[in-house]
Protein backbone atom coordinates (compact mmCIF):
# COMPACT_ATOMS: atom_id res chain seq x y z
CA MET A 1 -27.76 -38.22 -164.86
CA HIS A 2 -25.75 -35.48 -163.20
CA ASN A 3 -26.71 -31.86 -162.71
CA HIS A 4 -24.49 -29.41 -164.59
CA ASN A 5 -23.97 -25.76 -163.84
CA GLN A 6 -23.05 -23.12 -166.39
CA HIS A 7 -19.38 -24.12 -166.45
CA GLY A 8 -20.10 -27.78 -167.03
CA LYS A 9 -19.17 -28.92 -163.56
CA THR A 10 -20.84 -31.98 -162.21
CA ASN A 11 -21.91 -32.73 -158.66
CA ILE A 12 -19.34 -35.53 -158.44
CA ASP A 13 -16.68 -34.89 -155.82
CA SER A 14 -13.79 -36.66 -157.57
CA PRO A 15 -10.23 -35.37 -157.31
CA ILE A 16 -9.56 -36.40 -160.92
CA GLN A 17 -12.77 -34.79 -162.11
CA ALA A 18 -11.87 -31.63 -160.19
CA SER A 19 -8.43 -31.60 -161.81
CA ILE A 20 -9.92 -32.01 -165.28
CA GLU A 21 -12.37 -29.16 -164.65
CA GLN A 22 -9.57 -26.95 -163.31
CA ILE A 23 -7.39 -27.61 -166.38
CA TRP A 24 -10.35 -26.79 -168.65
CA GLN A 25 -11.06 -23.61 -166.69
CA ASN A 26 -7.44 -22.47 -166.89
CA ILE A 27 -7.18 -23.11 -170.63
CA CYS A 28 -10.41 -21.62 -171.90
CA GLY A 29 -12.95 -20.92 -169.20
CA GLY A 30 -15.81 -21.36 -171.64
CA TRP A 31 -16.99 -23.87 -174.18
CA ASP A 32 -17.00 -21.27 -176.97
CA GLN A 33 -13.24 -20.94 -176.48
CA PHE A 34 -12.61 -24.71 -176.67
CA ASN A 35 -11.06 -25.05 -180.14
CA GLN A 36 -8.39 -27.15 -181.87
CA SER A 37 -5.55 -25.41 -180.07
CA ALA A 38 -7.30 -25.54 -176.68
CA VAL A 39 -8.00 -29.26 -176.91
CA GLN A 40 -4.31 -29.96 -177.56
CA ASP A 41 -3.29 -27.77 -174.59
CA PHE A 42 -5.97 -29.44 -172.46
CA LEU A 43 -4.79 -32.95 -173.31
CA SER A 44 -1.12 -32.00 -172.80
CA GLN A 45 -1.86 -30.61 -169.33
CA CYS A 46 -3.92 -33.68 -168.47
CA GLU A 47 -1.01 -35.89 -169.54
CA GLU A 48 1.42 -33.81 -167.41
CA LYS A 49 -0.82 -34.42 -164.38
CA GLY A 50 -1.13 -38.15 -165.09
CA ILE A 51 -4.79 -37.96 -166.15
CA ASP A 52 -5.86 -40.42 -168.82
CA SER A 53 -6.63 -38.52 -172.03
CA GLN A 54 -9.56 -40.74 -172.95
CA PHE A 55 -11.11 -40.19 -169.51
CA ALA A 56 -10.61 -36.44 -169.86
CA MET A 57 -12.16 -36.40 -173.33
CA SER A 58 -15.15 -38.42 -172.14
CA TRP A 59 -15.89 -35.51 -169.80
CA ILE A 60 -15.41 -32.99 -172.62
CA GLU A 61 -17.66 -34.99 -174.94
CA LYS A 62 -20.57 -34.56 -172.54
CA PHE A 63 -20.60 -30.90 -173.61
CA LYS A 64 -20.01 -31.33 -177.33
CA ASP A 65 -23.23 -29.51 -178.16
CA LYS A 66 -21.70 -26.35 -176.56
CA ILE A 67 -18.39 -26.59 -178.44
CA PRO A 68 -18.18 -24.77 -181.78
CA ASP A 69 -16.83 -27.05 -184.57
CA TRP A 70 -17.02 -30.15 -182.33
CA GLN A 71 -16.22 -32.48 -185.27
CA THR A 72 -12.86 -30.80 -185.85
CA VAL A 73 -12.06 -30.58 -182.13
CA SER A 74 -12.90 -34.25 -181.72
CA LYS A 75 -10.74 -35.24 -184.69
CA VAL A 76 -7.81 -33.22 -183.34
CA SER A 77 -8.22 -34.87 -179.94
CA LEU A 78 -8.14 -38.36 -181.53
CA GLU A 79 -5.02 -37.47 -183.53
CA TRP A 80 -3.37 -36.15 -180.35
CA MET A 81 -4.22 -39.39 -178.46
CA ASN A 82 -2.88 -41.53 -181.30
CA GLN A 83 0.41 -39.61 -181.20
CA HIS A 84 0.80 -39.40 -177.40
CA THR A 85 -0.57 -42.67 -176.04
CA SER A 86 0.42 -46.23 -176.62
CA ALA A 87 -3.15 -47.44 -177.06
CA GLY A 88 -4.55 -44.48 -178.95
CA SER A 89 -8.28 -44.22 -179.31
CA PRO A 90 -10.66 -47.17 -179.58
CA LEU A 91 -12.14 -45.36 -182.55
CA SER A 92 -10.28 -45.61 -185.85
CA ASN A 93 -9.66 -42.73 -188.21
CA GLU A 94 -12.12 -44.47 -190.56
CA THR A 95 -14.90 -43.23 -188.28
CA PHE A 96 -14.32 -39.63 -189.39
CA LYS A 97 -13.89 -40.16 -193.15
């Protein structure tokens, strides 16, 4: 298990992880600001930088208890991935019905 500071950063020194955290910081800077619009912006910026959206969302999901309306944010992220990636999400839309 990794130690997390107040911004959700881990002690892993990974360039991809650092990029994901920087994108998150630039978009919202706090979990309470991470909403439906922010998740779409986040995923778009990750895509622009060549970061796998599922990898990026796996980092976000670690902090789902800090994100208001996580269920909606998660659903929006899955819809975004299904529209913007060839593989989409391993979870089907049936999961959220």
